[in-house]
């Protein structure tokens, strides 16, 4: 869209309205199709109808844990919190506390620019920014540059979500992109970055 309109990304983002989100994890013993579960589709539809097109409910299974992940987003933060509590009560095994997202991060990275940077600075840049596992993953690909660019964007988005930037002692390698087979990438925090996020949850998205 930025290419088509010629508008900077910040201008396009200015028209977006950020809605509160609540996440809950529901322990499950098996993973049948979500829509086949009794009452789940009806409850989700009822929630979305109540929000009048200004919210959504997403449900998916974790690929690595015995969990169903439920995300409720809407304009009324108090109401979506109540919806989350109702969803948790509907599942007696759901003992984890809902997490409210209070930080969002978005970043855009040019693949050609990342390729030029790597060609110029080589390991001096790569080893400063990326973890050993990230480097191994990217260099195992036929063209490492797009994969390095995606991880750089995710780290930048993570800094924005944390609200720290490269301050407060947080370092590039404390944010690591991990990807399990057939799963979406996740951003894993360590060190000072993790301590900065202990009291709240952050979500980020990236493009390249």
N, C-alpha and C. Protein backbone atom coordinates (compact mmCIF):
# COMPACT_ATOMS: atom_id res chain seq x y z
N UNK A 1 0.82 -1.20 0.00
CA UNK A 1 0.00 0.00 0.00
C UNK A 1 0.86 1.26 0.00
N UNK A 2 1.97 1.25 0.72
CA UNK A 2 2.85 2.40 0.75
C UNK A 2 3.41 2.69 -0.64
N UNK A 3 3.73 1.63 -1.39
CA UNK A 3 4.25 1.80 -2.75
C UNK A 3 3.16 2.35 -3.66
N UNK A 4 1.94 1.84 -3.54
CA UNK A 4 0.85 2.26 -4.41
C UNK A 4 0.45 3.71 -4.18
N UNK A 5 0.42 4.14 -2.91
CA UNK A 5 -0.06 5.49 -2.61
C UNK A 5 1.04 6.52 -2.57
N UNK A 6 2.28 6.09 -2.37
CA UNK A 6 3.38 7.02 -2.22
C UNK A 6 3.43 7.68 -0.86
N UNK A 7 2.55 7.28 0.04
CA UNK A 7 2.52 7.85 1.39
C UNK A 7 3.53 7.13 2.28
N UNK A 8 4.15 7.85 3.23
CA UNK A 8 5.04 7.18 4.18
C UNK A 8 4.25 6.26 5.09
N UNK A 9 4.93 5.25 5.65
CA UNK A 9 4.26 4.27 6.50
C UNK A 9 3.61 4.93 7.70
N UNK A 10 4.25 5.96 8.26
CA UNK A 10 3.69 6.64 9.43
C UNK A 10 2.35 7.28 9.10
N UNK A 11 2.22 7.84 7.89
CA UNK A 11 0.96 8.48 7.50
C UNK A 11 -0.15 7.45 7.35
N UNK A 12 0.20 6.29 6.78
CA UNK A 12 -0.80 5.24 6.63
C UNK A 12 -1.23 4.68 7.98
N UNK A 13 -0.27 4.56 8.90
CA UNK A 13 -0.58 4.02 10.22
C UNK A 13 -1.44 4.97 11.04
N UNK A 14 -1.37 6.28 10.73
CA UNK A 14 -2.10 7.28 11.50
C UNK A 14 -3.61 7.09 11.41
N UNK A 15 -4.07 6.44 10.34
CA UNK A 15 -5.51 6.25 10.17
C UNK A 15 -6.02 5.02 10.90
N UNK A 16 -5.12 4.24 11.49
CA UNK A 16 -5.51 3.02 12.18
C UNK A 16 -5.90 3.33 13.62
N UNK A 17 -6.93 2.66 14.11
CA UNK A 17 -7.35 2.79 15.50
C UNK A 17 -6.91 1.55 16.27
N UNK A 18 -6.16 1.74 17.35
CA UNK A 18 -5.69 0.63 18.16
C UNK A 18 -6.77 0.25 19.19
N UNK A 19 -7.18 -1.00 19.16
CA UNK A 19 -8.15 -1.50 20.12
C UNK A 19 -7.45 -2.32 21.19
N UNK A 20 -7.95 -2.31 22.41
CA UNK A 20 -7.39 -3.19 23.45
C UNK A 20 -7.54 -4.65 23.06
N UNK A 21 -6.62 -5.47 23.54
CA UNK A 21 -6.68 -6.90 23.30
C UNK A 21 -6.49 -7.65 24.61
N UNK A 22 -7.13 -8.79 24.72
CA UNK A 22 -6.93 -9.69 25.86
C UNK A 22 -6.62 -11.07 25.30
N UNK A 23 -5.59 -11.72 25.83
CA UNK A 23 -5.21 -13.06 25.42
C UNK A 23 -5.40 -14.03 26.56
N UNK A 24 -5.93 -15.22 26.26
CA UNK A 24 -6.00 -16.27 27.27
C UNK A 24 -5.54 -17.58 26.65
N UNK A 25 -4.98 -18.45 27.49
CA UNK A 25 -4.56 -19.79 27.07
C UNK A 25 -5.46 -20.82 27.74
N UNK A 26 -6.04 -21.69 26.95
CA UNK A 26 -6.93 -22.72 27.46
C UNK A 26 -6.29 -24.09 27.28
N UNK A 27 -5.92 -24.76 28.37
CA UNK A 27 -5.35 -26.11 28.23
C UNK A 27 -6.34 -27.07 27.59
N UNK A 28 -5.87 -27.91 26.67
CA UNK A 28 -6.72 -28.87 25.98
C UNK A 28 -6.07 -30.23 25.99
N UNK A 29 -6.90 -31.29 25.90
CA UNK A 29 -6.37 -32.65 25.86
C UNK A 29 -6.19 -33.15 24.44
N UNK A 30 -6.94 -32.56 23.49
CA UNK A 30 -6.84 -32.92 22.08
C UNK A 30 -7.11 -31.66 21.26
N UNK A 31 -6.92 -31.77 19.95
CA UNK A 31 -7.06 -30.59 19.09
C UNK A 31 -7.96 -30.87 17.89
N UNK A 32 -9.26 -31.09 18.14
CA UNK A 32 -10.18 -31.22 17.01
C UNK A 32 -10.37 -29.85 16.35
N UNK A 33 -10.90 -29.81 15.13
CA UNK A 33 -11.15 -28.51 14.48
C UNK A 33 -11.96 -27.59 15.38
N UNK A 34 -11.54 -26.33 15.47
CA UNK A 34 -12.20 -25.38 16.37
C UNK A 34 -13.70 -25.31 16.11
N UNK A 35 -14.08 -25.24 14.83
CA UNK A 35 -15.49 -25.07 14.49
C UNK A 35 -16.34 -26.30 14.79
N UNK A 36 -15.69 -27.42 15.11
CA UNK A 36 -16.45 -28.63 15.42
C UNK A 36 -16.79 -28.71 16.91
N UNK A 37 -16.26 -27.82 17.72
CA UNK A 37 -16.50 -27.86 19.16
C UNK A 37 -17.86 -27.25 19.49
N UNK A 38 -18.61 -27.94 20.32
CA UNK A 38 -19.96 -27.50 20.66
C UNK A 38 -19.95 -26.11 21.31
N UNK A 39 -20.71 -25.21 20.73
CA UNK A 39 -20.90 -23.90 21.34
C UNK A 39 -19.83 -22.88 21.05
N UNK A 40 -18.66 -23.31 20.55
CA UNK A 40 -17.56 -22.37 20.36
C UNK A 40 -17.88 -21.38 19.25
N UNK A 41 -18.34 -21.89 18.10
CA UNK A 41 -18.66 -21.01 17.00
C UNK A 41 -19.77 -20.03 17.34
N UNK A 42 -20.81 -20.53 18.05
CA UNK A 42 -21.93 -19.67 18.43
C UNK A 42 -21.49 -18.59 19.41
N UNK A 43 -20.64 -18.95 20.37
CA UNK A 43 -20.17 -17.97 21.35
C UNK A 43 -19.31 -16.91 20.66
N UNK A 44 -18.44 -17.33 19.76
CA UNK A 44 -17.59 -16.38 19.05
C UNK A 44 -18.45 -15.43 18.21
N UNK A 45 -19.46 -15.98 17.52
CA UNK A 45 -20.33 -15.16 16.70
C UNK A 45 -21.11 -14.17 17.55
N UNK A 46 -21.56 -14.62 18.73
CA UNK A 46 -22.31 -13.74 19.63
C UNK A 46 -21.44 -12.58 20.12
N UNK A 47 -20.19 -12.87 20.46
CA UNK A 47 -19.27 -11.82 20.90
C UNK A 47 -19.08 -10.78 19.80
N UNK A 48 -18.83 -11.26 18.57
CA UNK A 48 -18.55 -10.34 17.47
C UNK A 48 -19.79 -9.52 17.11
N UNK A 49 -20.97 -10.13 17.21
CA UNK A 49 -22.19 -9.37 16.95
C UNK A 49 -22.39 -8.30 18.00
N UNK A 50 -22.10 -8.62 19.25
CA UNK A 50 -22.24 -7.64 20.32
C UNK A 50 -21.31 -6.45 20.10
N UNK A 51 -20.11 -6.71 19.56
CA UNK A 51 -19.16 -5.64 19.34
C UNK A 51 -19.48 -4.82 18.10
N UNK A 52 -20.47 -5.23 17.34
CA UNK A 52 -20.95 -4.43 16.22
C UNK A 52 -19.92 -4.09 15.17
N UNK A 53 -19.08 -5.05 14.82
CA UNK A 53 -18.07 -4.81 13.80
C UNK A 53 -16.86 -4.05 14.27
N UNK A 54 -16.78 -3.77 15.57
CA UNK A 54 -15.62 -3.04 16.13
C UNK A 54 -14.82 -3.95 17.06
N UNK A 55 -14.67 -5.19 16.64
CA UNK A 55 -13.90 -6.13 17.43
C UNK A 55 -13.87 -7.48 16.75
N UNK A 56 -13.08 -8.39 17.30
CA UNK A 56 -12.97 -9.72 16.72
C UNK A 56 -12.51 -10.70 17.78
N UNK A 57 -12.77 -11.99 17.50
CA UNK A 57 -12.34 -13.08 18.37
C UNK A 57 -11.57 -14.08 17.51
N UNK A 58 -10.33 -14.36 17.87
CA UNK A 58 -9.52 -15.33 17.15
C UNK A 58 -9.18 -16.49 18.07
N UNK A 59 -9.34 -17.71 17.56
CA UNK A 59 -9.03 -18.91 18.34
C UNK A 59 -8.17 -19.82 17.48
N UNK A 60 -7.06 -20.27 18.04
CA UNK A 60 -6.21 -21.22 17.32
C UNK A 60 -5.48 -22.08 18.35
N UNK A 61 -5.02 -23.23 17.89
CA UNK A 61 -4.24 -24.10 18.75
C UNK A 61 -2.76 -23.73 18.69
N UNK A 62 -2.07 -23.92 19.80
CA UNK A 62 -0.62 -23.81 19.80
C UNK A 62 -0.04 -24.99 19.04
N UNK A 63 1.02 -24.75 18.30
CA UNK A 63 1.66 -25.84 17.59
C UNK A 63 2.61 -26.66 18.44
N UNK A 64 2.98 -26.13 19.61
CA UNK A 64 3.99 -26.80 20.44
C UNK A 64 3.48 -27.18 21.83
N UNK A 65 2.32 -26.64 22.24
CA UNK A 65 1.80 -26.93 23.57
C UNK A 65 0.35 -27.38 23.47
N UNK A 66 -0.14 -28.02 24.53
CA UNK A 66 -1.53 -28.47 24.57
C UNK A 66 -2.40 -27.31 25.03
N UNK A 67 -2.49 -26.30 24.18
CA UNK A 67 -3.22 -25.08 24.50
C UNK A 67 -4.03 -24.61 23.31
N UNK A 68 -5.19 -24.03 23.59
CA UNK A 68 -5.92 -23.24 22.61
C UNK A 68 -5.73 -21.78 23.00
N UNK A 69 -5.34 -20.96 22.04
CA UNK A 69 -5.08 -19.55 22.32
C UNK A 69 -6.27 -18.72 21.83
N UNK A 70 -6.80 -17.89 22.72
CA UNK A 70 -7.97 -17.07 22.42
C UNK A 70 -7.57 -15.61 22.53
N UNK A 71 -7.80 -14.84 21.48
CA UNK A 71 -7.55 -13.40 21.48
C UNK A 71 -8.86 -12.67 21.24
N UNK A 72 -9.21 -11.75 22.15
CA UNK A 72 -10.41 -10.94 22.00
C UNK A 72 -9.97 -9.49 21.88
N UNK A 73 -10.44 -8.81 20.83
CA UNK A 73 -10.06 -7.44 20.56
C UNK A 73 -11.33 -6.62 20.36
N UNK A 74 -11.38 -5.43 20.96
CA UNK A 74 -12.56 -4.60 20.79
C UNK A 74 -12.34 -3.19 21.32
N UNK A 75 -13.26 -2.30 20.97
CA UNK A 75 -13.13 -0.90 21.35
C UNK A 75 -13.33 -0.69 22.85
N UNK A 76 -14.16 -1.53 23.48
CA UNK A 76 -14.48 -1.41 24.90
C UNK A 76 -13.60 -2.36 25.70
N UNK A 77 -12.54 -1.80 26.32
CA UNK A 77 -11.60 -2.64 27.05
C UNK A 77 -12.23 -3.39 28.20
N UNK A 78 -13.13 -2.75 28.93
CA UNK A 78 -13.77 -3.41 30.06
C UNK A 78 -14.64 -4.57 29.60
N UNK A 79 -15.32 -4.38 28.47
CA UNK A 79 -16.21 -5.43 27.99
C UNK A 79 -15.42 -6.63 27.48
N UNK A 80 -14.32 -6.39 26.77
CA UNK A 80 -13.58 -7.54 26.26
C UNK A 80 -12.91 -8.29 27.41
N UNK A 81 -12.56 -7.57 28.50
CA UNK A 81 -12.03 -8.27 29.68
C UNK A 81 -13.10 -9.17 30.27
N UNK A 82 -14.35 -8.67 30.32
CA UNK A 82 -15.45 -9.48 30.83
C UNK A 82 -15.70 -10.69 29.92
N UNK A 83 -15.58 -10.48 28.61
CA UNK A 83 -15.73 -11.59 27.67
C UNK A 83 -14.65 -12.65 27.91
N UNK A 84 -13.42 -12.18 28.16
CA UNK A 84 -12.33 -13.13 28.42
C UNK A 84 -12.60 -13.92 29.69
N UNK A 85 -13.08 -13.25 30.73
CA UNK A 85 -13.40 -13.94 31.98
C UNK A 85 -14.51 -14.97 31.74
N UNK A 86 -15.49 -14.61 30.91
CA UNK A 86 -16.57 -15.54 30.59
C UNK A 86 -16.03 -16.75 29.84
N UNK A 87 -15.10 -16.50 28.90
CA UNK A 87 -14.51 -17.60 28.14
C UNK A 87 -13.71 -18.52 29.05
N UNK A 88 -13.01 -17.95 30.00
CA UNK A 88 -12.22 -18.77 30.93
C UNK A 88 -13.13 -19.62 31.80
N UNK A 89 -14.24 -19.04 32.27
CA UNK A 89 -15.15 -19.81 33.11
C UNK A 89 -15.81 -20.94 32.34
N UNK A 90 -15.94 -20.76 31.02
CA UNK A 90 -16.54 -21.80 30.19
C UNK A 90 -15.61 -22.99 30.03
N UNK A 91 -14.33 -22.81 30.34
CA UNK A 91 -13.33 -23.88 30.24
C UNK A 91 -12.68 -24.06 31.61
N UNK A 92 -13.14 -25.03 32.41
CA UNK A 92 -12.66 -25.19 33.77
C UNK A 92 -11.18 -25.45 33.89
N UNK A 93 -10.53 -25.91 32.81
CA UNK A 93 -9.09 -26.19 32.87
C UNK A 93 -8.26 -24.95 32.55
N UNK A 94 -8.90 -23.85 32.21
CA UNK A 94 -8.15 -22.64 31.86
C UNK A 94 -7.78 -21.90 33.13
N UNK A 95 -6.56 -22.11 33.60
CA UNK A 95 -6.15 -21.53 34.88
C UNK A 95 -5.18 -20.37 34.72
N UNK A 96 -4.80 -20.07 33.49
CA UNK A 96 -3.83 -19.01 33.30
C UNK A 96 -4.51 -17.66 33.26
N UNK A 97 -3.84 -16.68 33.78
CA UNK A 97 -4.38 -15.33 33.85
C UNK A 97 -4.35 -14.67 32.47
N UNK A 98 -5.46 -13.99 32.08
CA UNK A 98 -5.44 -13.27 30.81
C UNK A 98 -4.35 -12.22 30.80
N UNK A 99 -3.78 -12.00 29.62
CA UNK A 99 -2.71 -11.02 29.48
C UNK A 99 -3.20 -9.90 28.57
N UNK A 100 -3.14 -8.67 29.05
CA UNK A 100 -3.55 -7.53 28.24
C UNK A 100 -2.33 -6.99 27.50
N UNK A 101 -2.50 -6.79 26.21
CA UNK A 101 -1.42 -6.23 25.40
C UNK A 101 -1.39 -4.73 25.59
N UNK A 102 -0.25 -4.21 26.03
CA UNK A 102 -0.12 -2.77 26.26
C UNK A 102 0.98 -2.15 25.42
N UNK A 103 1.66 -2.94 24.62
CA UNK A 103 2.70 -2.40 23.74
C UNK A 103 2.60 -3.01 22.35
N UNK A 104 2.68 -2.16 21.35
CA UNK A 104 2.63 -2.62 19.96
C UNK A 104 3.84 -2.09 19.21
N UNK A 105 4.39 -2.91 18.33
CA UNK A 105 5.52 -2.47 17.53
C UNK A 105 5.39 -2.90 16.09
N UNK A 106 5.68 -2.00 15.18
CA UNK A 106 5.64 -2.29 13.74
C UNK A 106 6.93 -1.76 13.11
N UNK A 107 7.50 -2.51 12.18
CA UNK A 107 8.71 -2.03 11.51
C UNK A 107 8.77 -2.55 10.08
N UNK A 108 9.43 -1.79 9.23
CA UNK A 108 9.58 -2.13 7.82
C UNK A 108 11.06 -2.09 7.46
N UNK A 109 11.57 -3.16 6.86
CA UNK A 109 13.00 -3.25 6.52
C UNK A 109 13.14 -3.57 5.03
N UNK A 110 14.03 -2.86 4.37
CA UNK A 110 14.32 -3.09 2.95
C UNK A 110 15.31 -4.24 2.80
N UNK A 111 14.95 -5.24 2.01
CA UNK A 111 15.85 -6.36 1.79
C UNK A 111 17.13 -5.91 1.08
N UNK A 112 17.06 -5.12 -0.01
CA UNK A 112 18.30 -4.66 -0.65
C UNK A 112 19.22 -3.90 0.31
N UNK A 113 18.63 -3.08 1.17
CA UNK A 113 19.45 -2.34 2.13
C UNK A 113 20.12 -3.28 3.13
N UNK A 114 19.38 -4.30 3.57
CA UNK A 114 19.97 -5.27 4.49
C UNK A 114 21.10 -6.03 3.80
N UNK A 115 20.91 -6.39 2.53
CA UNK A 115 21.96 -7.10 1.79
C UNK A 115 23.22 -6.23 1.67
N UNK A 116 23.03 -4.94 1.39
CA UNK A 116 24.16 -4.02 1.27
C UNK A 116 24.89 -3.88 2.61
N UNK A 117 24.13 -3.77 3.68
CA UNK A 117 24.73 -3.63 5.01
C UNK A 117 25.56 -4.86 5.38
N UNK A 118 25.02 -6.04 5.10
CA UNK A 118 25.75 -7.28 5.41
C UNK A 118 27.01 -7.38 4.56
N UNK A 119 26.90 -7.05 3.27
CA UNK A 119 28.07 -7.10 2.39
C UNK A 119 29.16 -6.14 2.87
N UNK A 120 28.76 -5.01 3.39
CA UNK A 120 29.74 -4.00 3.81
C UNK A 120 30.40 -4.35 5.13
N UNK A 121 29.58 -4.74 6.11
CA UNK A 121 30.12 -4.91 7.48
C UNK A 121 30.36 -6.37 7.85
N UNK A 122 29.83 -7.31 7.07
CA UNK A 122 30.07 -8.74 7.29
C UNK A 122 29.73 -9.15 8.74
N UNK A 123 30.60 -9.97 9.34
CA UNK A 123 30.32 -10.52 10.67
C UNK A 123 30.27 -9.45 11.75
N UNK A 124 30.92 -8.33 11.53
CA UNK A 124 30.90 -7.26 12.54
C UNK A 124 29.46 -6.82 12.81
N UNK A 125 28.66 -6.71 11.78
CA UNK A 125 27.26 -6.34 11.94
C UNK A 125 26.41 -7.54 12.36
N UNK A 126 26.58 -8.65 11.66
CA UNK A 126 25.72 -9.82 11.88
C UNK A 126 25.83 -10.32 13.32
N UNK A 127 27.05 -10.44 13.83
CA UNK A 127 27.24 -11.00 15.17
C UNK A 127 26.86 -10.02 16.28
N UNK A 128 26.78 -8.74 15.95
CA UNK A 128 26.34 -7.75 16.94
C UNK A 128 24.83 -7.76 17.09
N UNK A 129 24.11 -8.04 15.99
CA UNK A 129 22.65 -7.90 15.98
C UNK A 129 21.93 -9.23 16.20
N UNK A 130 22.45 -10.32 15.64
CA UNK A 130 21.72 -11.58 15.62
C UNK A 130 22.36 -12.61 16.54
N UNK A 131 21.52 -13.48 17.10
CA UNK A 131 22.02 -14.56 17.95
C UNK A 131 22.65 -15.65 17.08
N UNK A 132 23.39 -16.54 17.72
CA UNK A 132 24.05 -17.62 16.98
C UNK A 132 23.02 -18.47 16.22
N UNK A 133 21.90 -18.79 16.88
CA UNK A 133 20.89 -19.61 16.22
C UNK A 133 20.24 -18.89 15.05
N UNK A 134 20.04 -17.58 15.17
CA UNK A 134 19.48 -16.81 14.07
C UNK A 134 20.44 -16.81 12.88
N UNK A 135 21.72 -16.65 13.16
CA UNK A 135 22.72 -16.63 12.09
C UNK A 135 22.76 -17.98 11.36
N UNK A 136 22.74 -19.07 12.14
CA UNK A 136 22.75 -20.40 11.54
C UNK A 136 21.51 -20.60 10.66
N UNK A 137 20.35 -20.19 11.17
CA UNK A 137 19.11 -20.35 10.41
C UNK A 137 19.16 -19.58 9.09
N UNK A 138 19.55 -18.32 9.16
CA UNK A 138 19.54 -17.47 7.96
C UNK A 138 20.57 -17.93 6.93
N UNK A 139 21.77 -18.27 7.40
CA UNK A 139 22.82 -18.65 6.47
C UNK A 139 22.60 -20.03 5.86
N UNK A 140 21.67 -20.79 6.42
CA UNK A 140 21.33 -22.09 5.84
C UNK A 140 20.39 -21.94 4.63
N UNK A 141 19.86 -20.70 4.44
CA UNK A 141 18.96 -20.43 3.32
C UNK A 141 19.75 -20.02 2.08
N UNK A 142 19.15 -20.26 0.92
CA UNK A 142 19.83 -19.93 -0.34
C UNK A 142 20.17 -18.44 -0.42
N UNK A 143 19.25 -17.60 0.02
CA UNK A 143 19.48 -16.16 0.07
C UNK A 143 19.23 -15.69 1.50
N UNK A 144 20.27 -15.52 2.30
CA UNK A 144 20.08 -15.16 3.71
C UNK A 144 19.48 -13.78 3.94
N UNK A 145 19.67 -12.85 3.01
CA UNK A 145 19.29 -11.46 3.25
C UNK A 145 17.82 -11.27 3.64
N UNK A 146 16.85 -11.88 2.94
CA UNK A 146 15.45 -11.70 3.35
C UNK A 146 15.17 -12.18 4.77
N UNK A 147 15.84 -13.25 5.18
CA UNK A 147 15.62 -13.81 6.51
C UNK A 147 16.27 -12.94 7.59
N UNK A 148 17.45 -12.40 7.29
CA UNK A 148 18.05 -11.44 8.21
C UNK A 148 17.18 -10.19 8.32
N UNK A 149 16.64 -9.73 7.18
CA UNK A 149 15.81 -8.52 7.18
C UNK A 149 14.55 -8.73 8.02
N UNK A 150 13.91 -9.88 7.89
CA UNK A 150 12.70 -10.16 8.66
C UNK A 150 13.00 -10.15 10.15
N UNK A 151 14.13 -10.73 10.55
CA UNK A 151 14.49 -10.77 11.96
C UNK A 151 14.89 -9.39 12.49
N UNK A 152 15.54 -8.61 11.65
CA UNK A 152 15.88 -7.24 12.05
C UNK A 152 14.60 -6.42 12.28
N UNK A 153 13.63 -6.58 11.38
CA UNK A 153 12.36 -5.86 11.53
C UNK A 153 11.64 -6.29 12.80
N UNK A 154 11.65 -7.59 13.09
CA UNK A 154 10.99 -8.09 14.30
C UNK A 154 11.65 -7.53 15.55
N UNK A 155 12.97 -7.44 15.56
CA UNK A 155 13.67 -6.88 16.71
C UNK A 155 13.33 -5.40 16.89
N UNK A 156 13.33 -4.65 15.77
CA UNK A 156 12.98 -3.23 15.84
C UNK A 156 11.54 -3.07 16.37
N UNK A 157 10.63 -3.90 15.87
CA UNK A 157 9.25 -3.85 16.36
C UNK A 157 9.19 -4.18 17.84
N UNK A 158 10.02 -5.15 18.26
CA UNK A 158 10.07 -5.51 19.67
C UNK A 158 10.54 -4.36 20.55
N UNK A 159 11.58 -3.64 20.10
CA UNK A 159 12.06 -2.48 20.85
C UNK A 159 10.95 -1.44 20.99
N UNK A 160 10.20 -1.23 19.91
CA UNK A 160 9.12 -0.24 19.95
C UNK A 160 8.02 -0.68 20.91
N UNK A 161 7.70 -1.97 20.90
CA UNK A 161 6.66 -2.48 21.79
C UNK A 161 7.09 -2.37 23.26
N UNK A 162 8.37 -2.61 23.52
CA UNK A 162 8.88 -2.49 24.88
C UNK A 162 8.99 -1.02 25.31
N UNK A 163 9.14 -0.13 24.34
CA UNK A 163 9.29 1.28 24.66
C UNK A 163 10.68 1.66 25.13
N UNK A 164 11.66 0.79 24.87
CA UNK A 164 13.02 1.04 25.36
C UNK A 164 13.97 1.52 24.27
N UNK A 165 13.75 1.07 23.01
CA UNK A 165 14.77 1.30 22.00
C UNK A 165 16.06 0.62 22.46
N UNK A 166 17.20 1.12 21.99
CA UNK A 166 18.49 0.59 22.44
C UNK A 166 18.94 1.36 23.67
N UNK A 167 18.05 1.47 24.64
CA UNK A 167 18.34 2.15 25.88
C UNK A 167 18.09 1.20 27.04
N UNK A 168 18.35 1.69 28.24
CA UNK A 168 18.11 0.89 29.45
C UNK A 168 18.89 -0.42 29.42
N UNK A 169 20.00 -0.44 28.67
CA UNK A 169 20.85 -1.62 28.66
C UNK A 169 20.37 -2.77 27.81
N UNK A 170 19.27 -2.59 27.06
CA UNK A 170 18.75 -3.66 26.22
C UNK A 170 19.60 -3.77 24.95
N UNK A 171 19.94 -5.00 24.57
CA UNK A 171 20.81 -5.24 23.42
C UNK A 171 20.07 -6.03 22.34
N UNK A 172 20.58 -5.90 21.11
CA UNK A 172 19.97 -6.58 19.97
C UNK A 172 19.78 -8.07 20.20
N UNK A 173 20.81 -8.72 20.72
CA UNK A 173 20.78 -10.18 20.84
C UNK A 173 19.87 -10.67 21.96
N UNK A 174 19.30 -9.74 22.75
CA UNK A 174 18.35 -10.12 23.79
C UNK A 174 16.94 -10.31 23.24
N UNK A 175 16.76 -10.00 21.97
CA UNK A 175 15.50 -10.27 21.27
C UNK A 175 15.82 -11.26 20.15
N UNK A 176 15.28 -12.44 20.22
CA UNK A 176 15.61 -13.50 19.26
C UNK A 176 14.35 -14.03 18.60
N UNK A 177 14.37 -14.12 17.28
CA UNK A 177 13.26 -14.70 16.53
C UNK A 177 13.48 -16.20 16.43
N UNK A 178 12.51 -16.95 16.90
CA UNK A 178 12.56 -18.41 16.80
C UNK A 178 11.38 -18.90 15.98
N UNK A 179 11.62 -19.96 15.24
CA UNK A 179 10.55 -20.51 14.41
C UNK A 179 10.59 -22.02 14.43
N UNK A 180 9.53 -22.61 14.99
CA UNK A 180 9.40 -24.06 14.96
C UNK A 180 8.85 -24.48 13.60
N UNK A 181 9.05 -25.73 13.26
CA UNK A 181 8.59 -26.24 11.97
C UNK A 181 7.08 -26.03 11.83
N UNK A 182 6.67 -25.42 10.71
CA UNK A 182 5.28 -25.17 10.36
C UNK A 182 4.57 -24.25 11.34
N UNK A 183 5.33 -23.48 12.11
CA UNK A 183 4.75 -22.53 13.05
C UNK A 183 5.14 -21.11 12.68
N UNK A 184 4.32 -20.15 13.09
CA UNK A 184 4.67 -18.74 12.88
C UNK A 184 5.86 -18.38 13.77
N UNK A 185 6.70 -17.45 13.34
CA UNK A 185 7.84 -17.03 14.17
C UNK A 185 7.37 -16.39 15.47
N UNK A 186 8.17 -16.53 16.51
CA UNK A 186 7.91 -15.88 17.79
C UNK A 186 9.16 -15.10 18.20
N UNK A 187 8.94 -14.03 18.94
CA UNK A 187 10.04 -13.20 19.43
C UNK A 187 10.27 -13.54 20.90
N UNK A 188 11.45 -14.06 21.21
CA UNK A 188 11.78 -14.52 22.55
C UNK A 188 12.73 -13.51 23.19
N UNK A 189 12.40 -13.06 24.40
CA UNK A 189 13.20 -12.06 25.10
C UNK A 189 14.08 -12.72 26.16
N UNK A 190 15.23 -12.11 26.39
CA UNK A 190 16.12 -12.57 27.45
C UNK A 190 16.77 -11.34 28.09
N UNK A 191 17.47 -11.57 29.20
CA UNK A 191 18.23 -10.49 29.83
C UNK A 191 17.37 -9.30 30.22
N UNK A 192 17.88 -8.10 29.97
CA UNK A 192 17.18 -6.88 30.34
C UNK A 192 15.89 -6.70 29.56
N UNK A 193 15.87 -7.18 28.31
CA UNK A 193 14.65 -7.07 27.51
C UNK A 193 13.51 -7.85 28.16
N UNK A 194 13.82 -9.02 28.67
CA UNK A 194 12.78 -9.82 29.33
C UNK A 194 12.33 -9.18 30.63
N UNK A 195 13.27 -8.64 31.40
CA UNK A 195 12.90 -7.99 32.65
C UNK A 195 12.03 -6.77 32.40
N UNK A 196 12.27 -6.08 31.29
CA UNK A 196 11.47 -4.90 30.95
C UNK A 196 10.03 -5.28 30.63
N UNK A 197 9.81 -6.51 30.19
CA UNK A 197 8.48 -6.94 29.77
C UNK A 197 7.76 -7.77 30.82
N UNK A 198 8.35 -8.01 31.98
CA UNK A 198 7.74 -8.90 32.97
C UNK A 198 6.36 -8.44 33.42
N UNK A 199 6.17 -7.15 33.58
CA UNK A 199 4.93 -6.65 34.16
C UNK A 199 3.82 -6.43 33.15
N UNK A 200 4.12 -6.62 31.88
CA UNK A 200 3.10 -6.44 30.86
C UNK A 200 3.46 -7.21 29.62
N UNK A 201 2.51 -7.39 28.71
CA UNK A 201 2.74 -8.16 27.48
C UNK A 201 2.88 -7.20 26.32
N UNK A 202 3.70 -7.57 25.35
CA UNK A 202 3.91 -6.73 24.16
C UNK A 202 3.71 -7.57 22.92
N UNK A 203 3.14 -6.96 21.91
CA UNK A 203 2.96 -7.65 20.63
C UNK A 203 3.58 -6.84 19.52
N UNK A 204 4.23 -7.51 18.58
CA UNK A 204 4.86 -6.79 17.47
C UNK A 204 4.59 -7.46 16.16
N UNK A 205 4.62 -6.70 15.09
CA UNK A 205 4.50 -7.27 13.76
C UNK A 205 5.59 -6.67 12.89
N UNK A 206 5.97 -7.37 11.85
CA UNK A 206 7.07 -6.87 11.03
C UNK A 206 6.79 -7.16 9.56
N UNK A 207 7.47 -6.41 8.71
CA UNK A 207 7.39 -6.62 7.27
C UNK A 207 8.78 -6.46 6.71
N UNK A 208 8.97 -6.87 5.47
CA UNK A 208 10.29 -6.76 4.86
C UNK A 208 10.15 -6.58 3.37
